[in-house]
Amino acid sequence: MRPAAAQAGVAVELSNANPQLEVFVTPATAKLLISFSRLANRSFLHHNDRQRWYEFVSAAYREKATLTPEMLERWLVEEERWSQERAYELAQEYQRALGLLNVFESQPA
């Protein structure tokens, strides 16, 4: 691959196929997500689960985390063993929440 890339004048950079969560969020935000994941009722989020989830989402928003909904979903399934369906739902909720926070922040007081 590298000789072909060099011939084409393209730089090739290989990355880790399974990067650590801390590549996309700060260690403090990763800790919030891990806490949520490990303590949550995976069938139905209870009040305390929601609170932990909101703390994670708001921390990710504040730090402008590069964690995408797709990465979050993959992490929940592969690392934390959430069902694909619940991980997808949380990833979609994460995306909507970030969008809402972005609109909220951009509006005048």
C-alpha atoms as a PDB file:
ATOM      1  CA  MET A   1       0.000   0.000   0.000  1.00  0.00           C
ATOM      2  CA  ARG A   2       2.759   2.455   0.855  1.00  0.00           C
ATOM      3  CA  PRO A   3       4.592   2.106  -2.494  1.00  0.00           C
ATOM      4  CA  ALA A   4       1.328   2.750  -4.352  1.00  0.00           C
ATOM      5  CA  ALA A   5       0.597   5.731  -2.140  1.00  0.00           C
ATOM      6  CA  ALA A   6       4.091   7.132  -2.652  1.00  0.00           C
ATOM      7  CA  GLN A   7       3.747   6.659  -6.387  1.00  0.00           C
ATOM      8  CA  ALA A   8       0.445   8.532  -6.308  1.00  0.00           C
ATOM      9  CA  GLY A   9       1.955  11.257  -4.133  1.00  0.00           C
ATOM     10  CA  VAL A  10      -0.377  10.484  -1.231  1.00  0.00           C
ATOM     11  CA  ALA A  11       0.599  10.234   2.419  1.00  0.00           C
ATOM     12  CA  VAL A  12      -0.668   7.172   4.281  1.00  0.00           C
ATOM     13  CA  GLU A  13      -1.280   7.219   7.998  1.00  0.00           C
ATOM     14  CA  LEU A  14      -2.417   4.091   9.796  1.00  0.00           C
ATOM     15  CA  SER A  15      -4.394   4.464  12.981  1.00  0.00           C
ATOM     16  CA  ASN A  16      -5.505   2.157  15.726  1.00  0.00           C
ATOM     17  CA  ALA A  17      -8.625   0.212  14.702  1.00  0.00           C
ATOM     18  CA  ASN A  18      -9.829   0.304  18.311  1.00  0.00           C
ATOM     19  CA  PRO A  19      -8.815   3.666  19.754  1.00  0.00           C
ATOM     20  CA  GLN A  20      -9.393   4.373  23.415  1.00  0.00           C
ATOM     21  CA  LEU A  21     -12.377   6.460  24.450  1.00  0.00           C
ATOM     22  CA  GLU A  22      -9.992   9.121  25.767  1.00  0.00           C
ATOM     23  CA  VAL A  23      -8.943   9.881  22.168  1.00  0.00           C
ATOM     24  CA  PHE A  24     -12.384  11.452  21.643  1.00  0.00           C
ATOM     25  CA  VAL A  25     -13.223  12.825  25.104  1.00  0.00           C
ATOM     26  CA  THR A  26     -11.226  13.956  28.117  1.00  0.00           C
ATOM     27  CA  PRO A  27     -10.537  11.419  30.866  1.00  0.00           C
ATOM     28  CA  ALA A  28     -13.094  13.172  33.088  1.00  0.00           C
ATOM     29  CA  THR A  29     -15.810  12.881  30.440  1.00  0.00           C
ATOM     30  CA  ALA A  30     -14.830   9.273  29.726  1.00  0.00           C
ATOM     31  CA  LYS A  31     -15.258   8.566  33.429  1.00  0.00           C
ATOM     32  CA  LEU A  32     -18.772  10.039  33.311  1.00  0.00           C
ATOM     33  CA  LEU A  33     -19.705   7.860  30.336  1.00  0.00           C
ATOM     34  CA  ILE A  34     -18.241   4.731  31.911  1.00  0.00           C
ATOM     35  CA  SER A  35     -20.080   5.446  35.148  1.00  0.00           C
ATOM     36  CA  PHE A  36     -23.331   5.869  33.254  1.00  0.00           C
ATOM     37  CA  SER A  37     -22.795   2.679  31.280  1.00  0.00           C
ATOM     38  CA  ARG A  38     -21.838   0.475  34.188  1.00  0.00           C
ATOM     39  CA  LEU A  39     -24.578   1.687  36.559  1.00  0.00           C
ATOM     40  CA  ALA A  40     -27.489   2.144  34.152  1.00  0.00           C
ATOM     41  CA  ASN A  41     -30.520  -0.069  33.942  1.00  0.00           C
ATOM     42  CA  ARG A  42     -30.186  -1.140  30.327  1.00  0.00           C
ATOM     43  CA  SER A  43     -33.869  -1.889  29.857  1.00  0.00           C
ATOM     44  CA  PHE A  44     -35.282   1.399  31.081  1.00  0.00           C
ATOM     45  CA  LEU A  45     -33.261   4.390  32.255  1.00  0.00           C
ATOM     46  CA  HIS A  46     -34.234   5.469  35.742  1.00  0.00           C
ATOM     47  CA  HIS A  47     -33.906   8.971  37.191  1.00  0.00           C
ATOM     48  CA  ASN A  48     -30.312   8.461  38.398  1.00  0.00           C
ATOM     49  CA  ASP A  49     -29.371   6.888  35.055  1.00  0.00           C
ATOM     50  CA  ARG A  50     -30.766   9.926  33.252  1.00  0.00           C
ATOM     51  CA  GLN A  51     -28.859  12.258  35.547  1.00  0.00           C
ATOM     52  CA  ARG A  52     -25.573  10.450  34.805  1.00  0.00           C
ATOM     53  CA  TRP A  53     -26.388  10.476  31.084  1.00  0.00           C
ATOM     54  CA  TYR A  54     -27.076  14.230  31.102  1.00  0.00           C
ATOM     55  CA  GLU A  55     -23.838  14.871  32.997  1.00  0.00           C
ATOM     56  CA  PHE A  56     -21.910  12.945  30.324  1.00  0.00           C
ATOM     57  CA  VAL A  57     -23.659  14.684  27.401  1.00  0.00           C
ATOM     58  CA  SER A  58     -23.196  18.151  28.884  1.00  0.00           C
ATOM     59  CA  ALA A  59     -19.510  17.458  29.600  1.00  0.00           C
ATOM     60  CA  ALA A  60     -18.985  16.205  26.027  1.00  0.00           C
ATOM     61  CA  TYR A  61     -20.691  19.329  24.714  1.00  0.00           C
ATOM     62  CA  ARG A  62     -18.704  21.718  26.918  1.00  0.00           C
ATOM     63  CA  GLU A  63     -15.381  20.266  25.832  1.00  0.00           C
ATOM     64  CA  LYS A  64     -16.431  20.064  22.170  1.00  0.00           C
ATOM     65  CA  ALA A  65     -15.658  16.350  22.179  1.00  0.00           C
ATOM     66  CA  THR A  66     -14.933  14.689  18.862  1.00  0.00           C
ATOM     67  CA  LEU A  67     -16.947  11.627  19.877  1.00  0.00           C
ATOM     68  CA  THR A  68     -19.502  11.054  17.123  1.00  0.00           C
ATOM     69  CA  PRO A  69     -22.807   9.260  17.643  1.00  0.00           C
ATOM     70  CA  GLU A  70     -21.457   6.388  15.536  1.00  0.00           C
ATOM     71  CA  MET A  71     -18.353   6.074  17.711  1.00  0.00           C
ATOM     72  CA  LEU A  72     -20.485   6.195  20.851  1.00  0.00           C
ATOM     73  CA  GLU A  73     -22.759   3.461  19.532  1.00  0.00           C
ATOM     74  CA  ARG A  74     -19.796   1.283  18.602  1.00  0.00           C
ATOM     75  CA  TRP A  75     -18.168   1.807  22.011  1.00  0.00           C
ATOM     76  CA  LEU A  76     -21.370   0.939  23.858  1.00  0.00           C
ATOM     77  CA  VAL A  77     -21.774  -2.294  21.884  1.00  0.00           C
ATOM     78  CA  GLU A  78     -18.157  -3.458  21.619  1.00  0.00           C
ATOM     79  CA  GLU A  79     -16.721  -2.318  24.916  1.00  0.00           C
ATOM     80  CA  GLU A  80     -19.706  -2.176  27.250  1.00  0.00           C
ATOM     81  CA  ARG A  81     -21.823  -4.942  25.702  1.00  0.00           C
ATOM     82  CA  TRP A  82     -25.010  -2.901  25.299  1.00  0.00           C
ATOM     83  CA  SER A  83     -27.528  -4.299  22.825  1.00  0.00           C
ATOM     84  CA  GLN A  84     -27.261  -2.858  19.331  1.00  0.00           C
ATOM     85  CA  GLU A  85     -30.774  -1.416  19.614  1.00  0.00           C
ATOM     86  CA  ARG A  86     -30.201   0.382  22.938  1.00  0.00           C
ATOM     87  CA  ALA A  87     -26.776   1.635  21.815  1.00  0.00           C
ATOM     88  CA  TYR A  88     -28.331   3.040  18.642  1.00  0.00           C
ATOM     89  CA  GLU A  89     -31.076   4.761  20.663  1.00  0.00           C
ATOM     90  CA  LEU A  90     -28.523   6.346  22.994  1.00  0.00           C
ATOM     91  CA  ALA A  91     -26.352   7.444  20.077  1.00  0.00           C
ATOM     92  CA  GLN A  92     -29.362   9.112  18.461  1.00  0.00           C
ATOM     93  CA  GLU A  93     -30.284  10.752  21.753  1.00  0.00           C
ATOM     94  CA  TYR A  94     -26.674  11.981  22.105  1.00  0.00           C
ATOM     95  CA  GLN A  95     -26.835  13.530  18.639  1.00  0.00           C
ATOM     96  CA  ARG A  96     -30.167  15.262  19.328  1.00  0.00           C
ATOM     97  CA  ALA A  97     -28.987  16.543  22.710  1.00  0.00           C
ATOM     98  CA  LEU A  98     -25.811  18.029  21.236  1.00  0.00           C
ATOM     99  CA  GLY A  99     -27.875  19.698  18.520  1.00  0.00           C
ATOM    100  CA  LEU A 100     -30.243  21.166  21.088  1.00  0.00           C
ATOM    101  CA  LEU A 101     -27.385  22.440  23.240  1.00  0.00           C
ATOM    102  CA  ASN A 102     -25.764  24.002  20.193  1.00  0.00           C
ATOM    103  CA  VAL A 103     -28.957  25.881  19.287  1.00  0.00           C
ATOM    104  CA  PHE A 104     -29.468  26.915  22.909  1.00  0.00           C
ATOM    105  CA  GLU A 105     -25.930  28.314  23.171  1.00  0.00           C
ATOM    106  CA  SER A 106     -26.198  30.220  19.907  1.00  0.00           C
ATOM    107  CA  GLN A 107     -29.379  32.075  20.897  1.00  0.00           C
ATOM    108  CA  PRO A 108     -29.135  35.507  22.486  1.00  0.00           C
ATOM    109  CA  ALA A 109     -29.915  35.692  26.188  1.00  0.00           C
END
